[in-house]
Amino acid sequence: QAAKSARTVVITGVPDGLLHDDVMTDILVIHFQMSKNNGGDVEEVMYPTTKKGVAYVTFEDQEVVESVLKKDEHRLEDKRLSRYYPLKVTRYCENVSAFVIYLVALPL
């Protein structure tokens, strides 16, 4: 089983304040488990987070991360939402800040 960070994606564009957090978490789980969204078994959804409109979705298999990232457009749709919301899905990287510091420190 791959490290949790390798099985996690960052979701931005989650509609904030429309529904109860638990309901939004359920909607995200449903979206990312659907085969039409290239999804698979979801291990965990972290929502809400410290950043508004951001959620973290961890899948049971790393392969699902790759297929979810390949999908051109993720539209969060549910009968409890008045319209669809486009989501941006990116790979989770816990080393981003360390990497940026490393790049800044590189001699030119």
N, C-alpha and C. Protein backbone atom coordinates (compact mmCIF):
# COMPACT_ATOMS: atom_id res chain seq x y z
N GLN A 1 0.86 -1.20 0.00
CA GLN A 1 0.00 0.00 0.00
C GLN A 1 0.89 1.25 0.00
N ALA A 2 0.65 2.12 -0.94
CA ALA A 2 1.46 3.33 -1.08
C ALA A 2 1.21 4.26 0.11
N ALA A 3 2.19 5.12 0.36
CA ALA A 3 2.05 6.10 1.44
C ALA A 3 0.78 6.92 1.24
N LYS A 4 0.21 7.33 2.36
CA LYS A 4 -1.06 8.06 2.30
C LYS A 4 -0.95 9.30 1.39
N SER A 5 0.16 10.02 1.47
CA SER A 5 0.31 11.23 0.66
C SER A 5 0.26 10.91 -0.83
N ALA A 6 0.74 9.73 -1.22
CA ALA A 6 0.74 9.34 -2.64
C ALA A 6 -0.66 8.94 -3.11
N ARG A 7 -1.55 8.68 -2.16
CA ARG A 7 -2.91 8.28 -2.50
C ARG A 7 -3.92 9.41 -2.30
N THR A 8 -3.40 10.62 -2.11
CA THR A 8 -4.26 11.77 -1.79
C THR A 8 -4.22 12.81 -2.90
N VAL A 9 -5.39 13.40 -3.16
CA VAL A 9 -5.48 14.52 -4.10
C VAL A 9 -6.06 15.72 -3.35
N VAL A 10 -5.73 16.91 -3.88
CA VAL A 10 -6.24 18.16 -3.33
C VAL A 10 -7.37 18.63 -4.25
N ILE A 11 -8.50 18.94 -3.66
CA ILE A 11 -9.66 19.39 -4.42
C ILE A 11 -9.89 20.86 -4.09
N THR A 12 -9.92 21.71 -5.11
CA THR A 12 -10.26 23.11 -4.88
C THR A 12 -11.53 23.43 -5.66
N GLY A 13 -12.25 24.44 -5.20
CA GLY A 13 -13.50 24.82 -5.85
C GLY A 13 -14.72 24.20 -5.18
N VAL A 14 -14.52 23.59 -4.01
CA VAL A 14 -15.65 23.01 -3.27
C VAL A 14 -16.54 24.17 -2.81
N PRO A 15 -17.84 24.12 -3.15
CA PRO A 15 -18.72 25.22 -2.76
C PRO A 15 -18.78 25.33 -1.23
N ASP A 16 -18.49 26.51 -0.74
CA ASP A 16 -18.36 26.71 0.70
C ASP A 16 -19.64 27.31 1.29
N GLY A 17 -20.07 26.77 2.41
CA GLY A 17 -21.18 27.36 3.15
C GLY A 17 -22.57 27.09 2.60
N LEU A 18 -22.68 26.26 1.55
CA LEU A 18 -24.00 25.97 0.97
C LEU A 18 -24.73 24.89 1.75
N LEU A 19 -23.98 23.88 2.13
CA LEU A 19 -24.55 22.73 2.81
C LEU A 19 -23.75 22.44 4.08
N HIS A 20 -24.31 21.63 4.95
CA HIS A 20 -23.59 21.22 6.15
C HIS A 20 -22.32 20.47 5.73
N ASP A 21 -21.26 20.61 6.50
CA ASP A 21 -19.97 20.00 6.15
C ASP A 21 -20.08 18.48 5.93
N ASP A 22 -20.87 17.82 6.77
CA ASP A 22 -21.04 16.36 6.63
C ASP A 22 -21.67 16.01 5.29
N VAL A 23 -22.65 16.82 4.88
CA VAL A 23 -23.35 16.58 3.61
C VAL A 23 -22.38 16.79 2.44
N MET A 24 -21.59 17.86 2.51
CA MET A 24 -20.62 18.13 1.45
C MET A 24 -19.58 17.01 1.37
N THR A 25 -19.16 16.51 2.52
CA THR A 25 -18.21 15.39 2.55
C THR A 25 -18.81 14.18 1.85
N ASP A 26 -20.08 13.88 2.12
CA ASP A 26 -20.76 12.76 1.47
C ASP A 26 -20.81 12.94 -0.04
N ILE A 27 -21.13 14.16 -0.48
CA ILE A 27 -21.22 14.45 -1.91
C ILE A 27 -19.85 14.24 -2.57
N LEU A 28 -18.78 14.65 -1.89
CA LEU A 28 -17.43 14.47 -2.43
C LEU A 28 -17.08 12.98 -2.51
N VAL A 29 -17.43 12.21 -1.48
CA VAL A 29 -17.17 10.77 -1.50
C VAL A 29 -17.88 10.13 -2.70
N ILE A 30 -19.17 10.45 -2.86
CA ILE A 30 -19.95 9.90 -3.97
C ILE A 30 -19.32 10.26 -5.31
N HIS A 31 -18.94 11.54 -5.48
CA HIS A 31 -18.34 12.00 -6.74
C HIS A 31 -17.08 11.20 -7.06
N PHE A 32 -16.20 11.05 -6.07
CA PHE A 32 -14.90 10.42 -6.35
C PHE A 32 -14.93 8.90 -6.31
N GLN A 33 -16.10 8.31 -5.99
CA GLN A 33 -16.23 6.86 -6.10
C GLN A 33 -16.85 6.46 -7.43
N MET A 34 -17.44 7.42 -8.14
CA MET A 34 -18.12 7.09 -9.41
C MET A 34 -17.12 6.77 -10.52
N SER A 35 -17.43 5.71 -11.27
CA SER A 35 -16.55 5.33 -12.37
C SER A 35 -16.55 6.39 -13.47
N LYS A 36 -17.67 7.11 -13.65
CA LYS A 36 -17.72 8.15 -14.70
C LYS A 36 -16.76 9.30 -14.39
N ASN A 37 -16.34 9.41 -13.14
CA ASN A 37 -15.36 10.43 -12.76
C ASN A 37 -13.96 9.83 -12.60
N ASN A 38 -13.78 8.63 -13.16
CA ASN A 38 -12.51 7.88 -13.06
C ASN A 38 -12.15 7.58 -11.61
N GLY A 39 -13.15 7.53 -10.76
CA GLY A 39 -12.91 7.35 -9.32
C GLY A 39 -12.75 5.91 -8.89
N GLY A 40 -12.69 5.74 -7.58
CA GLY A 40 -12.53 4.42 -6.98
C GLY A 40 -12.81 4.52 -5.49
N ASP A 41 -12.42 3.49 -4.78
CA ASP A 41 -12.72 3.44 -3.34
C ASP A 41 -12.02 4.56 -2.58
N VAL A 42 -12.83 5.34 -1.88
CA VAL A 42 -12.32 6.47 -1.10
C VAL A 42 -12.07 5.99 0.33
N GLU A 43 -10.87 6.25 0.80
CA GLU A 43 -10.52 5.88 2.18
C GLU A 43 -10.96 6.97 3.15
N GLU A 44 -10.74 8.23 2.73
CA GLU A 44 -11.00 9.34 3.65
C GLU A 44 -11.18 10.65 2.89
N VAL A 45 -12.05 11.50 3.39
CA VAL A 45 -12.19 12.86 2.87
C VAL A 45 -11.96 13.81 4.04
N MET A 46 -11.03 14.73 3.86
CA MET A 46 -10.81 15.77 4.87
C MET A 46 -11.49 17.04 4.40
N TYR A 47 -12.60 17.36 5.05
CA TYR A 47 -13.33 18.58 4.74
C TYR A 47 -14.19 18.91 5.95
N PRO A 48 -14.26 20.15 6.38
CA PRO A 48 -13.54 21.31 5.85
C PRO A 48 -12.07 21.28 6.28
N THR A 49 -11.29 22.10 5.61
CA THR A 49 -9.87 22.24 5.96
C THR A 49 -9.61 23.70 6.34
N THR A 50 -8.37 24.01 6.64
CA THR A 50 -8.04 25.39 7.02
C THR A 50 -8.19 26.35 5.86
N LYS A 51 -8.16 25.82 4.62
CA LYS A 51 -8.34 26.67 3.44
C LYS A 51 -9.78 26.55 2.94
N LYS A 52 -10.41 27.68 2.71
CA LYS A 52 -11.80 27.71 2.26
C LYS A 52 -11.96 27.05 0.88
N GLY A 53 -12.95 26.18 0.76
CA GLY A 53 -13.23 25.55 -0.52
C GLY A 53 -12.25 24.46 -0.93
N VAL A 54 -11.43 24.00 0.03
CA VAL A 54 -10.43 22.97 -0.27
C VAL A 54 -10.75 21.70 0.52
N ALA A 55 -10.61 20.56 -0.15
CA ALA A 55 -10.78 19.27 0.50
C ALA A 55 -9.63 18.36 0.08
N TYR A 56 -9.35 17.37 0.91
CA TYR A 56 -8.35 16.36 0.58
C TYR A 56 -9.06 15.02 0.50
N VAL A 57 -8.86 14.31 -0.60
CA VAL A 57 -9.48 13.00 -0.78
C VAL A 57 -8.36 11.96 -0.88
N THR A 58 -8.44 10.96 0.00
CA THR A 58 -7.46 9.87 -0.02
C THR A 58 -8.16 8.61 -0.52
N PHE A 59 -7.55 8.00 -1.53
CA PHE A 59 -8.09 6.78 -2.12
C PHE A 59 -7.40 5.56 -1.53
N GLU A 60 -8.04 4.41 -1.65
CA GLU A 60 -7.44 3.17 -1.15
C GLU A 60 -6.29 2.73 -2.06
N ASP A 61 -6.39 3.04 -3.35
CA ASP A 61 -5.34 2.63 -4.30
C ASP A 61 -4.74 3.84 -5.00
N GLN A 62 -3.44 3.82 -5.15
CA GLN A 62 -2.73 4.92 -5.81
C GLN A 62 -3.11 5.05 -7.28
N GLU A 63 -3.47 3.93 -7.91
CA GLU A 63 -3.85 3.96 -9.33
C GLU A 63 -5.05 4.88 -9.55
N VAL A 64 -5.94 4.93 -8.58
CA VAL A 64 -7.14 5.78 -8.70
C VAL A 64 -6.73 7.25 -8.79
N VAL A 65 -5.69 7.63 -8.05
CA VAL A 65 -5.19 9.01 -8.11
C VAL A 65 -4.84 9.36 -9.54
N GLU A 66 -4.12 8.46 -10.21
CA GLU A 66 -3.69 8.71 -11.58
C GLU A 66 -4.89 8.88 -12.51
N SER A 67 -5.90 8.01 -12.36
CA SER A 67 -7.05 8.11 -13.27
C SER A 67 -7.90 9.34 -12.99
N VAL A 68 -8.03 9.70 -11.72
CA VAL A 68 -8.80 10.91 -11.35
C VAL A 68 -8.11 12.15 -11.92
N LEU A 69 -6.78 12.17 -11.87
CA LEU A 69 -6.03 13.32 -12.40
C LEU A 69 -6.12 13.41 -13.92
N LYS A 70 -6.35 12.28 -14.59
CA LYS A 70 -6.43 12.29 -16.05
C LYS A 70 -7.74 12.85 -16.57
N LYS A 71 -8.78 12.83 -15.74
CA LYS A 71 -10.09 13.33 -16.18
C LYS A 71 -10.00 14.83 -16.42
N ASP A 72 -10.46 15.25 -17.61
CA ASP A 72 -10.34 16.67 -17.99
C ASP A 72 -11.10 17.60 -17.06
N GLU A 73 -12.34 17.24 -16.77
CA GLU A 73 -13.17 18.18 -16.02
C GLU A 73 -13.97 17.43 -14.95
N HIS A 74 -13.81 17.87 -13.73
CA HIS A 74 -14.61 17.31 -12.64
C HIS A 74 -15.72 18.31 -12.32
N ARG A 75 -16.96 17.84 -12.41
CA ARG A 75 -18.11 18.68 -12.08
C ARG A 75 -18.81 18.08 -10.88
N LEU A 76 -18.84 18.83 -9.80
CA LEU A 76 -19.54 18.37 -8.61
C LEU A 76 -21.03 18.61 -8.81
N GLU A 77 -21.78 17.51 -8.96
CA GLU A 77 -23.21 17.62 -9.20
C GLU A 77 -23.96 16.76 -8.18
N ASP A 78 -25.02 17.29 -7.65
CA ASP A 78 -25.85 16.55 -6.70
C ASP A 78 -27.20 17.25 -6.62
N LYS A 79 -28.24 16.48 -6.37
CA LYS A 79 -29.57 17.09 -6.29
C LYS A 79 -29.67 18.11 -5.15
N ARG A 80 -28.77 18.00 -4.18
CA ARG A 80 -28.79 18.94 -3.05
C ARG A 80 -28.09 20.26 -3.39
N LEU A 81 -27.44 20.30 -4.54
CA LEU A 81 -26.78 21.53 -5.00
C LEU A 81 -27.63 22.17 -6.09
N SER A 82 -27.70 23.49 -6.12
CA SER A 82 -28.56 24.17 -7.09
C SER A 82 -27.99 24.12 -8.51
N ARG A 83 -26.70 23.91 -8.64
CA ARG A 83 -26.05 23.83 -9.95
C ARG A 83 -24.80 22.97 -9.81
N TYR A 84 -24.08 22.77 -10.91
CA TYR A 84 -22.83 22.02 -10.78
C TYR A 84 -21.69 22.99 -10.48
N TYR A 85 -20.65 22.46 -9.85
CA TYR A 85 -19.48 23.27 -9.51
C TYR A 85 -18.24 22.60 -10.10
N PRO A 86 -17.48 23.36 -10.91
CA PRO A 86 -16.24 22.78 -11.45
C PRO A 86 -15.21 22.64 -10.32
N LEU A 87 -14.56 21.50 -10.26
CA LEU A 87 -13.54 21.26 -9.26
C LEU A 87 -12.18 21.15 -9.93
N LYS A 88 -11.16 21.60 -9.25
CA LYS A 88 -9.79 21.42 -9.73
C LYS A 88 -9.16 20.34 -8.85
N VAL A 89 -8.61 19.33 -9.49
CA VAL A 89 -8.00 18.22 -8.77
C VAL A 89 -6.51 18.21 -9.04
N THR A 90 -5.72 18.27 -7.99
CA THR A 90 -4.26 18.24 -8.14
C THR A 90 -3.66 17.22 -7.19
N ARG A 91 -2.47 16.80 -7.53
CA ARG A 91 -1.75 15.82 -6.72
C ARG A 91 -1.35 16.46 -5.39
N TYR A 92 -1.49 15.72 -4.32
CA TYR A 92 -1.07 16.21 -3.01
C TYR A 92 0.44 16.02 -2.89
N CYS A 93 1.12 17.03 -2.39
CA CYS A 93 2.56 16.90 -2.18
C CYS A 93 2.93 17.59 -0.89
N GLU A 94 3.31 16.79 0.09
CA GLU A 94 3.64 17.38 1.38
C GLU A 94 5.00 18.07 1.35
N ASN A 95 5.76 17.83 0.29
CA ASN A 95 7.10 18.41 0.22
C ASN A 95 7.15 19.68 -0.64
N VAL A 96 6.01 20.22 -1.00
CA VAL A 96 5.98 21.39 -1.88
C VAL A 96 6.77 22.54 -1.28
N SER A 97 6.52 22.87 -0.03
CA SER A 97 7.21 24.03 0.56
C SER A 97 8.71 23.77 0.66
N ALA A 98 9.10 22.56 1.01
CA ALA A 98 10.53 22.23 1.09
C ALA A 98 11.16 22.34 -0.30
N PHE A 99 10.43 21.90 -1.31
CA PHE A 99 10.93 21.94 -2.68
C PHE A 99 11.12 23.39 -3.14
N VAL A 100 10.16 24.25 -2.83
CA VAL A 100 10.25 25.67 -3.21
C VAL A 100 11.46 26.31 -2.52
N ILE A 101 11.64 26.01 -1.25
CA ILE A 101 12.79 26.56 -0.51
C ILE A 101 14.09 26.08 -1.16
N TYR A 102 14.11 24.82 -1.56
CA TYR A 102 15.28 24.24 -2.22
C TYR A 102 15.56 24.98 -3.53
N LEU A 103 14.53 25.25 -4.32
CA LEU A 103 14.72 25.94 -5.59
C LEU A 103 15.22 27.36 -5.38
N VAL A 104 14.68 28.04 -4.39
CA VAL A 104 15.07 29.42 -4.10
C VAL A 104 16.53 29.46 -3.67
N ALA A 105 16.96 28.42 -2.94
CA ALA A 105 18.32 28.41 -2.41
C ALA A 105 19.37 27.96 -3.44
N LEU A 106 18.91 27.45 -4.58
CA LEU A 106 19.86 26.98 -5.59
C LEU A 106 20.70 28.14 -6.14
N PRO A 107 22.02 27.93 -6.23
CA PRO A 107 22.84 29.00 -6.85
C PRO A 107 22.60 29.06 -8.35
N LEU A 108 22.59 30.23 -8.89
CA LEU A 108 22.33 30.39 -10.33
C LEU A 108 23.62 30.35 -11.12
